[in-house]
Amino acid sequence: MKNLVSRFFKDESGATAIEYGLIAALIAVVIISAVTLLGTSLESTFETVEEALG
């Protein structure tokens, strides 16, 4: 039984999966923020071009 508990506390595979999940979530937040900011900028640019053409 001691051996089983000892192996359980030494096992770090779950921690690695959580770290990868956190990294993926952080990357997703950065991508969503960048797309939102870029989308707003592009919208105003296209509106300016539309006004110039029309």
PDB file of N, CA and C in Angstrom:
ATOM      1  N   MET A   1       0.827  -1.196   0.000  1.00  0.00           N
ATOM      2  CA  MET A   1       0.000   0.000   0.000  1.00  0.00           C
ATOM      3  C   MET A   1       0.875   1.266   0.000  1.00  0.00           C
ATOM      4  N   LYS A   2       1.981   1.236   0.781  1.00  0.00           N
ATOM      5  CA  LYS A   2       2.888   2.374   0.815  1.00  0.00           C
ATOM      6  C   LYS A   2       3.466   2.659  -0.565  1.00  0.00           C
ATOM      7  N   ASN A   3       3.785   1.594  -1.272  1.00  0.00           N
ATOM      8  CA  ASN A   3       4.354   1.730  -2.605  1.00  0.00           C
ATOM      9  C   ASN A   3       3.361   2.395  -3.557  1.00  0.00           C
ATOM     10  N   LEU A   4       2.097   2.035  -3.457  1.00  0.00           N
ATOM     11  CA  LEU A   4       1.063   2.609  -4.315  1.00  0.00           C
ATOM     12  C   LEU A   4       0.902   4.099  -4.052  1.00  0.00           C
ATOM     13  N   VAL A   5       0.871   4.493  -2.790  1.00  0.00           N
ATOM     14  CA  VAL A   5       0.742   5.910  -2.432  1.00  0.00           C
ATOM     15  C   VAL A   5       1.978   6.681  -2.884  1.00  0.00           C
ATOM     16  N   SER A   6       3.143   6.081  -2.706  1.00  0.00           N
ATOM     17  CA  SER A   6       4.384   6.725  -3.127  1.00  0.00           C
ATOM     18  C   SER A   6       4.399   6.956  -4.632  1.00  0.00           C
ATOM     19  N   ARG A   7       3.994   5.974  -5.411  1.00  0.00           N
ATOM     20  CA  ARG A   7       3.936   6.133  -6.875  1.00  0.00           C
ATOM     21  C   ARG A   7       2.921   7.189  -7.273  1.00  0.00           C
ATOM     22  N   PHE A   8       1.796   7.264  -6.550  1.00  0.00           N
ATOM     23  CA  PHE A   8       0.757   8.241  -6.856  1.00  0.00           C
ATOM     24  C   PHE A   8       1.295   9.664  -6.701  1.00  0.00           C
ATOM     25  N   PHE A   9       2.044   9.922  -5.645  1.00  0.00           N
ATOM     26  CA  PHE A   9       2.563  11.272  -5.414  1.00  0.00           C
ATOM     27  C   PHE A   9       3.716  11.621  -6.340  1.00  0.00           C
ATOM     28  N   LYS A  10       4.428  10.643  -6.858  1.00  0.00           N
ATOM     29  CA  LYS A  10       5.540  10.900  -7.776  1.00  0.00           C
ATOM     30  C   LYS A  10       5.086  11.053  -9.227  1.00  0.00           C
ATOM     31  N   ASP A  11       3.870  10.632  -9.537  1.00  0.00           N
ATOM     32  CA  ASP A  11       3.368  10.686 -10.911  1.00  0.00           C
ATOM     33  C   ASP A  11       3.047  12.134 -11.274  1.00  0.00           C
ATOM     34  N   GLU A  12       3.694  12.662 -12.318  1.00  0.00           N
ATOM     35  CA  GLU A  12       3.496  14.053 -12.731  1.00  0.00           C
ATOM     36  C   GLU A  12       2.811  14.178 -14.086  1.00  0.00           C
ATOM     37  N   SER A  13       2.283  13.116 -14.623  1.00  0.00           N
ATOM     38  CA  SER A  13       1.670  13.179 -15.952  1.00  0.00           C
ATOM     39  C   SER A  13       0.404  14.036 -15.949  1.00  0.00           C
ATOM     40  N   GLY A  14      -0.331  14.029 -14.873  1.00  0.00           N
ATOM     41  CA  GLY A  14      -1.523  14.874 -14.786  1.00  0.00           C
ATOM     42  C   GLY A  14      -1.172  16.346 -14.762  1.00  0.00           C
ATOM     43  N   ALA A  15      -0.105  16.687 -14.057  1.00  0.00           N
ATOM     44  CA  ALA A  15       0.334  18.080 -13.990  1.00  0.00           C
ATOM     45  C   ALA A  15       0.758  18.579 -15.372  1.00  0.00           C
ATOM     46  N   THR A  16       1.403  17.718 -16.137  1.00  0.00           N
ATOM     47  CA  THR A  16       1.819  18.102 -17.477  1.00  0.00           C
ATOM     48  C   THR A  16       0.612  18.384 -18.363  1.00  0.00           C
ATOM     49  N   ALA A  17      -0.404  17.563 -18.265  1.00  0.00           N
ATOM     50  CA  ALA A  17      -1.612  17.772 -19.069  1.00  0.00           C
ATOM     51  C   ALA A  17      -2.286  19.086 -18.693  1.00  0.00           C
ATOM     52  N   ILE A  18      -2.312  19.403 -17.419  1.00  0.00           N
ATOM     53  CA  ILE A  18      -2.919  20.661 -16.976  1.00  0.00           C
ATOM     54  C   ILE A  18      -2.107  21.842 -17.497  1.00  0.00           C
ATOM     55  N   GLU A  19      -0.789  21.735 -17.463  1.00  0.00           N
ATOM     56  CA  GLU A  19       0.050  22.820 -17.977  1.00  0.00           C
ATOM     57  C   GLU A  19      -0.186  23.048 -19.465  1.00  0.00           C
ATOM     58  N   TYR A  20      -0.264  21.970 -20.227  1.00  0.00           N
ATOM     59  CA  TYR A  20      -0.550  22.117 -21.662  1.00  0.00           C
ATOM     60  C   TYR A  20      -1.926  22.737 -21.883  1.00  0.00           C
ATOM     61  N   GLY A  21      -2.885  22.371 -21.077  1.00  0.00           N
ATOM     62  CA  GLY A  21      -4.221  22.965 -21.188  1.00  0.00           C
ATOM     63  C   GLY A  21      -4.203  24.449 -20.907  1.00  0.00           C
ATOM     64  N   LEU A  22      -3.454  24.861 -19.882  1.00  0.00           N
ATOM     65  CA  LEU A  22      -3.354  26.284 -19.561  1.00  0.00           C
ATOM     66  C   LEU A  22      -2.646  27.059 -20.665  1.00  0.00           C
ATOM     67  N   ILE A  23      -1.617  26.474 -21.239  1.00  0.00           N
ATOM     68  CA  ILE A  23      -0.908  27.133 -22.342  1.00  0.00           C
ATOM     69  C   ILE A  23      -1.836  27.287 -23.545  1.00  0.00           C
ATOM     70  N   ALA A  24      -2.594  26.250 -23.860  1.00  0.00           N
ATOM     71  CA  ALA A  24      -3.531  26.322 -24.988  1.00  0.00           C
ATOM     72  C   ALA A  24      -4.603  27.378 -24.740  1.00  0.00           C
ATOM     73  N   ALA A  25      -5.101  27.471 -23.508  1.00  0.00           N
ATOM     74  CA  ALA A  25      -6.107  28.483 -23.182  1.00  0.00           C
ATOM     75  C   ALA A  25      -5.534  29.888 -23.319  1.00  0.00           C
ATOM     76  N   LEU A  26      -4.301  30.078 -22.884  1.00  0.00           N
ATOM     77  CA  LEU A  26      -3.657  31.389 -23.002  1.00  0.00           C
ATOM     78  C   LEU A  26      -3.463  31.778 -24.459  1.00  0.00           C
ATOM     79  N   ILE A  27      -3.036  30.836 -25.278  1.00  0.00           N
ATOM     80  CA  ILE A  27      -2.865  31.108 -26.705  1.00  0.00           C
ATOM     81  C   ILE A  27      -4.202  31.457 -27.347  1.00  0.00           C
ATOM     82  N   ALA A  28      -5.261  30.759 -26.952  1.00  0.00           N
ATOM     83  CA  ALA A  28      -6.593  31.052 -27.497  1.00  0.00           C
ATOM     84  C   ALA A  28      -7.042  32.460 -27.124  1.00  0.00           C
ATOM     85  N   VAL A  29      -6.788  32.880 -25.898  1.00  0.00           N
ATOM     86  CA  VAL A  29      -7.171  34.229 -25.468  1.00  0.00           C
ATOM     87  C   VAL A  29      -6.399  35.279 -26.272  1.00  0.00           C
ATOM     88  N   VAL A  30      -5.121  35.051 -26.501  1.00  0.00           N
ATOM     89  CA  VAL A  30      -4.312  35.997 -27.280  1.00  0.00           C
ATOM     90  C   VAL A  30      -4.828  36.081 -28.715  1.00  0.00           C
ATOM     91  N   ILE A  31      -5.144  34.940 -29.314  1.00  0.00           N
ATOM     92  CA  ILE A  31      -5.643  34.934 -30.693  1.00  0.00           C
ATOM     93  C   ILE A  31      -6.989  35.648 -30.782  1.00  0.00           C
ATOM     94  N   ILE A  32      -7.885  35.380 -29.850  1.00  0.00           N
ATOM     95  CA  ILE A  32      -9.203  36.030 -29.872  1.00  0.00           C
ATOM     96  C   ILE A  32      -9.058  37.538 -29.708  1.00  0.00           C
ATOM     97  N   SER A  33      -8.183  37.967 -28.812  1.00  0.00           N
ATOM     98  CA  SER A  33      -7.965  39.407 -28.613  1.00  0.00           C
ATOM     99  C   SER A  33      -7.397  40.057 -29.870  1.00  0.00           C
ATOM    100  N   ALA A  34      -6.424  39.403 -30.488  1.00  0.00           N
ATOM    101  CA  ALA A  34      -5.811  39.962 -31.693  1.00  0.00           C
ATOM    102  C   ALA A  34      -6.815  40.058 -32.830  1.00  0.00           C
ATOM    103  N   VAL A  35      -7.611  39.028 -33.012  1.00  0.00           N
ATOM    104  CA  VAL A  35      -8.605  39.037 -34.094  1.00  0.00           C
ATOM    105  C   VAL A  35      -9.657  40.114 -33.842  1.00  0.00           C
ATOM    106  N   THR A  36     -10.066  40.275 -32.608  1.00  0.00           N
ATOM    107  CA  THR A  36     -11.061  41.306 -32.281  1.00  0.00           C
ATOM    108  C   THR A  36     -10.512  42.698 -32.573  1.00  0.00           C
ATOM    109  N   LEU A  37      -9.284  42.974 -32.136  1.00  0.00           N
ATOM    110  CA  LEU A  37      -8.687  44.290 -32.387  1.00  0.00           C
ATOM    111  C   LEU A  37      -8.439  44.522 -33.870  1.00  0.00           C
ATOM    112  N   LEU A  38      -7.944  43.519 -34.555  1.00  0.00           N
ATOM    113  CA  LEU A  38      -7.669  43.639 -35.981  1.00  0.00           C
ATOM    114  C   LEU A  38      -8.967  43.788 -36.771  1.00  0.00           C
ATOM    115  N   GLY A  39      -9.993  43.083 -36.358  1.00  0.00           N
ATOM    116  CA  GLY A  39     -11.290  43.169 -37.038  1.00  0.00           C
ATOM    117  C   GLY A  39     -11.875  44.565 -36.964  1.00  0.00           C
ATOM    118  N   THR A  40     -11.781  45.197 -35.811  1.00  0.00           N
ATOM    119  CA  THR A  40     -12.280  46.558 -35.656  1.00  0.00           C
ATOM    120  C   THR A  40     -11.501  47.526 -36.538  1.00  0.00           C
ATOM    121  N   SER A  41     -10.197  47.347 -36.582  1.00  0.00           N
ATOM    122  CA  SER A  41      -9.358  48.212 -37.412  1.00  0.00           C
ATOM    123  C   SER A  41      -9.677  48.014 -38.892  1.00  0.00           C
ATOM    124  N   LEU A  42      -9.825  46.778 -39.307  1.00  0.00           N
ATOM    125  CA  LEU A  42     -10.143  46.501 -40.713  1.00  0.00           C
ATOM    126  C   LEU A  42     -11.519  47.037 -41.097  1.00  0.00           C
ATOM    127  N   GLU A  43     -12.459  46.962 -40.182  1.00  0.00           N
ATOM    128  CA  GLU A  43     -13.800  47.466 -40.473  1.00  0.00           C
ATOM    129  C   GLU A  43     -13.761  48.958 -40.775  1.00  0.00           C
ATOM    130  N   SER A  44     -13.042  49.708 -39.947  1.00  0.00           N
ATOM    131  CA  SER A  44     -12.960  51.152 -40.197  1.00  0.00           C
ATOM    132  C   SER A  44     -12.206  51.450 -41.489  1.00  0.00           C
ATOM    133  N   THR A  45     -11.217  50.668 -41.822  1.00  0.00           N
ATOM    134  CA  THR A  45     -10.473  50.856 -43.082  1.00  0.00           C
ATOM    135  C   THR A  45     -11.374  50.612 -44.280  1.00  0.00           C
ATOM    136  N   PHE A  46     -12.157  49.531 -44.237  1.00  0.00           N
ATOM    137  CA  PHE A  46     -13.060  49.242 -45.346  1.00  0.00           C
ATOM    138  C   PHE A  46     -14.160  50.292 -45.471  1.00  0.00           C
ATOM    139  N   GLU A  47     -14.614  50.839 -44.355  1.00  0.00           N
ATOM    140  CA  GLU A  47     -15.619  51.904 -44.402  1.00  0.00           C
ATOM    141  C   GLU A  47     -15.035  53.149 -45.056  1.00  0.00           C
ATOM    142  N   THR A  48     -13.783  53.460 -44.765  1.00  0.00           N
ATOM    143  CA  THR A  48     -13.117  54.618 -45.374  1.00  0.00           C
ATOM    144  C   THR A  48     -12.976  54.417 -46.884  1.00  0.00           C
ATOM    145  N   VAL A  49     -12.583  53.224 -47.295  1.00  0.00           N
ATOM    146  CA  VAL A  49     -12.453  52.931 -48.724  1.00  0.00           C
ATOM    147  C   VAL A  49     -13.813  52.986 -49.408  1.00  0.00           C
ATOM    148  N   GLU A  50     -14.842  52.489 -48.740  1.00  0.00           N
ATOM    149  CA  GLU A  50     -16.192  52.501 -49.317  1.00  0.00           C
ATOM    150  C   GLU A  50     -16.673  53.944 -49.512  1.00  0.00           C
ATOM    151  N   GLU A  51     -16.406  54.803 -48.532  1.00  0.00           N
ATOM    152  CA  GLU A  51     -16.817  56.204 -48.661  1.00  0.00           C
ATOM    153  C   GLU A  51     -16.056  56.899 -49.795  1.00  0.00           C
ATOM    154  N   ALA A  52     -14.790  56.551 -49.949  1.00  0.00           N
ATOM    155  CA  ALA A  52     -13.980  57.174 -51.009  1.00  0.00           C
ATOM    156  C   ALA A  52     -14.457  56.731 -52.391  1.00  0.00           C
ATOM    157  N   LEU A  53     -14.892  55.477 -52.517  1.00  0.00           N
ATOM    158  CA  LEU A  53     -15.347  54.976 -53.798  1.00  0.00           C
ATOM    159  C   LEU A  53     -16.773  55.417 -54.123  1.00  0.00           C
ATOM    160  N   GLY A  54     -17.588  55.523 -53.094  1.00  0.00           N
ATOM    161  CA  GLY A  54     -19.013  55.826 -53.291  1.00  0.00           C
ATOM    162  C   GLY A  54     -19.257  57.257 -53.291  1.00  0.00           C
TER     163      GLY A  54
END
